[in-house]
């Protein structure tokens, strides 16, 4: 009896499959390294690239706008009984305020 159960479970496990795929930019992951008053504008450009837009403020600071897109895909197949497929797209905006070449503030929407 135990051999039948073990054989059945082994067969189920061998015929199941879980697939996960992430397609996004590494720049978003780099953004967690930002430090107010420490990170330079050169580091920002080197690690995050050029911003989507730039806005100069009257006080002399500048707001950089970055937009990141990511797509996550998950598929689960279990012995032809369960077949789940999900795809999620995410978008986030990062704003960085630069003053005198240093990150003064940053926030995410």
C-alpha atoms as a PDB file:
ATOM      1  CA  UNK A   1       0.000   0.000   0.000  1.00  0.00           C
ATOM      2  CA  UNK A   2       2.810   2.418   0.857  1.00  0.00           C
ATOM      3  CA  UNK A   3       4.505   1.739  -2.471  1.00  0.00           C
ATOM      4  CA  UNK A   4       1.315   2.707  -4.315  1.00  0.00           C
ATOM      5  CA  UNK A   5       1.017   5.977  -2.402  1.00  0.00           C
ATOM      6  CA  UNK A   6       4.695   6.812  -2.851  1.00  0.00           C
ATOM      7  CA  UNK A   7       4.529   5.968  -6.551  1.00  0.00           C
ATOM      8  CA  UNK A   8       1.398   8.098  -6.988  1.00  0.00           C
ATOM      9  CA  UNK A   9       2.906  11.072  -5.148  1.00  0.00           C
ATOM     10  CA  UNK A  10       6.160  10.772  -7.069  1.00  0.00           C
ATOM     11  CA  UNK A  11       4.259  10.700 -10.354  1.00  0.00           C
ATOM     12  CA  UNK A  12       2.279  13.791  -9.350  1.00  0.00           C
ATOM     13  CA  UNK A  13       5.422  15.660  -8.357  1.00  0.00           C
ATOM     14  CA  UNK A  14       7.228  14.721 -11.539  1.00  0.00           C
ATOM     15  CA  UNK A  15       4.339  15.882 -13.712  1.00  0.00           C
ATOM     16  CA  UNK A  16       3.908  19.203 -11.918  1.00  0.00           C
ATOM     17  CA  UNK A  17       5.701  22.361 -12.867  1.00  0.00           C
ATOM     18  CA  UNK A  18       6.067  25.822 -11.391  1.00  0.00           C
ATOM     19  CA  UNK A  19       7.471  28.580 -13.575  1.00  0.00           C
ATOM     20  CA  UNK A  20       8.251  32.130 -12.463  1.00  0.00           C
ATOM     21  CA  UNK A  21       9.611  34.866 -14.703  1.00  0.00           C
ATOM     22  CA  UNK A  22      10.437  38.484 -13.827  1.00  0.00           C
ATOM     23  CA  UNK A  23      11.177  41.021 -16.515  1.00  0.00           C
ATOM     24  CA  UNK A  24      12.084  44.402 -15.171  1.00  0.00           C
ATOM     25  CA  UNK A  25      14.881  46.881 -14.926  1.00  0.00           C
ATOM     26  CA  UNK A  26      17.824  46.605 -12.563  1.00  0.00           C
ATOM     27  CA  UNK A  27      17.712  50.369 -12.170  1.00  0.00           C
ATOM     28  CA  UNK A  28      14.666  49.998  -9.896  1.00  0.00           C
ATOM     29  CA  UNK A  29      16.655  47.693  -7.629  1.00  0.00           C
ATOM     30  CA  UNK A  30      19.522  50.200  -7.649  1.00  0.00           C
ATOM     31  CA  UNK A  31      17.196  52.969  -6.434  1.00  0.00           C
ATOM     32  CA  UNK A  32      17.109  51.434  -2.936  1.00  0.00           C
ATOM     33  CA  UNK A  33      20.741  52.570  -2.571  1.00  0.00           C
ATOM     34  CA  UNK A  34      19.790  56.257  -2.658  1.00  0.00           C
ATOM     35  CA  UNK A  35      20.806  58.193   0.463  1.00  0.00           C
ATOM     36  CA  UNK A  36      19.665  61.713   1.242  1.00  0.00           C
ATOM     37  CA  UNK A  37      22.595  64.092   1.586  1.00  0.00           C
ATOM     38  CA  UNK A  38      25.106  61.463   0.385  1.00  0.00           C
ATOM     39  CA  UNK A  39      24.281  60.158  -3.094  1.00  0.00           C
ATOM     40  CA  UNK A  40      25.631  62.292  -5.927  1.00  0.00           C
ATOM     41  CA  UNK A  41      23.883  63.193  -9.151  1.00  0.00           C
ATOM     42  CA  UNK A  42      26.666  61.381 -11.030  1.00  0.00           C
ATOM     43  CA  UNK A  43      25.823  58.164  -9.159  1.00  0.00           C
ATOM     44  CA  UNK A  44      22.146  58.644 -10.043  1.00  0.00           C
ATOM     45  CA  UNK A  45      22.907  58.968 -13.752  1.00  0.00           C
ATOM     46  CA  UNK A  46      25.436  56.120 -13.706  1.00  0.00           C
ATOM     47  CA  UNK A  47      23.061  53.681 -11.977  1.00  0.00           C
ATOM     48  CA  UNK A  48      19.593  54.818 -13.002  1.00  0.00           C
ATOM     49  CA  UNK A  49      20.314  56.298 -16.418  1.00  0.00           C
ATOM     50  CA  UNK A  50      18.718  59.417 -17.811  1.00  0.00           C
ATOM     51  CA  UNK A  51      15.395  60.434 -16.261  1.00  0.00           C
ATOM     52  CA  UNK A  52      12.086  60.498 -18.068  1.00  0.00           C
ATOM     53  CA  UNK A  53      11.895  64.214 -17.288  1.00  0.00           C
ATOM     54  CA  UNK A  54      13.685  66.987 -15.395  1.00  0.00           C
ATOM     55  CA  UNK A  55      12.093  69.983 -13.701  1.00  0.00           C
ATOM     56  CA  UNK A  56      14.090  72.964 -12.415  1.00  0.00           C
ATOM     57  CA  UNK A  57      12.583  74.633  -9.366  1.00  0.00           C
ATOM     58  CA  UNK A  58      12.860  78.332  -8.517  1.00  0.00           C
ATOM     59  CA  UNK A  59      14.964  77.565  -5.430  1.00  0.00           C
ATOM     60  CA  UNK A  60      17.730  76.103  -7.648  1.00  0.00           C
ATOM     61  CA  UNK A  61      17.030  72.447  -7.026  1.00  0.00           C
ATOM     62  CA  UNK A  62      16.015  70.018  -9.750  1.00  0.00           C
ATOM     63  CA  UNK A  63      13.468  67.178  -9.739  1.00  0.00           C
ATOM     64  CA  UNK A  64      14.349  64.076 -11.763  1.00  0.00           C
ATOM     65  CA  UNK A  65      11.469  61.777 -12.714  1.00  0.00           C
ATOM     66  CA  UNK A  66      12.129  58.080 -13.362  1.00  0.00           C
ATOM     67  CA  UNK A  67       9.537  55.519 -14.361  1.00  0.00           C
ATOM     68  CA  UNK A  68      10.093  51.788 -13.961  1.00  0.00           C
ATOM     69  CA  UNK A  69       8.094  48.979 -15.515  1.00  0.00           C
ATOM     70  CA  UNK A  70       8.135  45.323 -14.535  1.00  0.00           C
ATOM     71  CA  UNK A  71       6.232  42.231 -15.533  1.00  0.00           C
ATOM     72  CA  UNK A  72       5.865  39.111 -13.408  1.00  0.00           C
ATOM     73  CA  UNK A  73       4.576  35.880 -14.861  1.00  0.00           C
ATOM     74  CA  UNK A  74       3.732  32.743 -12.885  1.00  0.00           C
ATOM     75  CA  UNK A  75       2.555  29.407 -14.233  1.00  0.00           C
ATOM     76  CA  UNK A  76       1.599  26.367 -12.184  1.00  0.00           C
ATOM     77  CA  UNK A  77       0.774  23.018 -13.760  1.00  0.00           C
ATOM     78  CA  UNK A  78      -0.172  20.049 -11.630  1.00  0.00           C
ATOM     79  CA  UNK A  79      -0.859  16.718 -13.290  1.00  0.00           C
ATOM     80  CA  UNK A  80      -3.175  18.187 -15.939  1.00  0.00           C
ATOM     81  CA  UNK A  81      -5.701  18.979 -13.193  1.00  0.00           C
ATOM     82  CA  UNK A  82      -4.593  22.421 -12.121  1.00  0.00           C
ATOM     83  CA  UNK A  83      -3.337  24.913 -14.658  1.00  0.00           C
ATOM     84  CA  UNK A  84      -2.843  28.448 -13.374  1.00  0.00           C
ATOM     85  CA  UNK A  85      -1.318  31.301 -15.335  1.00  0.00           C
ATOM     86  CA  UNK A  86      -1.023  34.837 -14.024  1.00  0.00           C
ATOM     87  CA  UNK A  87       0.711  37.862 -15.449  1.00  0.00           C
ATOM     88  CA  UNK A  88       1.073  41.085 -13.520  1.00  0.00           C
ATOM     89  CA  UNK A  89       2.417  44.360 -14.859  1.00  0.00           C
ATOM     90  CA  UNK A  90       3.653  46.994 -12.473  1.00  0.00           C
ATOM     91  CA  UNK A  91       4.700  50.559 -13.011  1.00  0.00           C
ATOM     92  CA  UNK A  92       6.209  52.916 -10.461  1.00  0.00           C
ATOM     93  CA  UNK A  93       7.443  56.482 -10.521  1.00  0.00           C
ATOM     94  CA  UNK A  94      10.506  57.683  -8.644  1.00  0.00           C
ATOM     95  CA  UNK A  95      11.179  61.384  -8.052  1.00  0.00           C
ATOM     96  CA  UNK A  96      14.601  62.574  -6.931  1.00  0.00           C
ATOM     97  CA  UNK A  97      15.323  66.120  -5.781  1.00  0.00           C
ATOM     98  CA  UNK A  98      18.897  67.232  -6.485  1.00  0.00           C
ATOM     99  CA  UNK A  99      20.509  70.318  -4.934  1.00  0.00           C
ATOM    100  CA  UNK A 100      24.145  71.251  -5.515  1.00  0.00           C
ATOM    101  CA  UNK A 101      24.847  67.844  -7.100  1.00  0.00           C
ATOM    102  CA  UNK A 102      23.589  65.835  -4.092  1.00  0.00           C
ATOM    103  CA  UNK A 103      20.305  63.965  -3.547  1.00  0.00           C
ATOM    104  CA  UNK A 104      18.316  66.101  -1.123  1.00  0.00           C
ATOM    105  CA  UNK A 105      15.123  64.023  -1.162  1.00  0.00           C
ATOM    106  CA  UNK A 106      13.400  61.252  -3.081  1.00  0.00           C
ATOM    107  CA  UNK A 107       9.945  59.672  -3.074  1.00  0.00           C
ATOM    108  CA  UNK A 108       7.982  57.102  -4.967  1.00  0.00           C
ATOM    109  CA  UNK A 109       4.437  57.127  -6.322  1.00  0.00           C
END
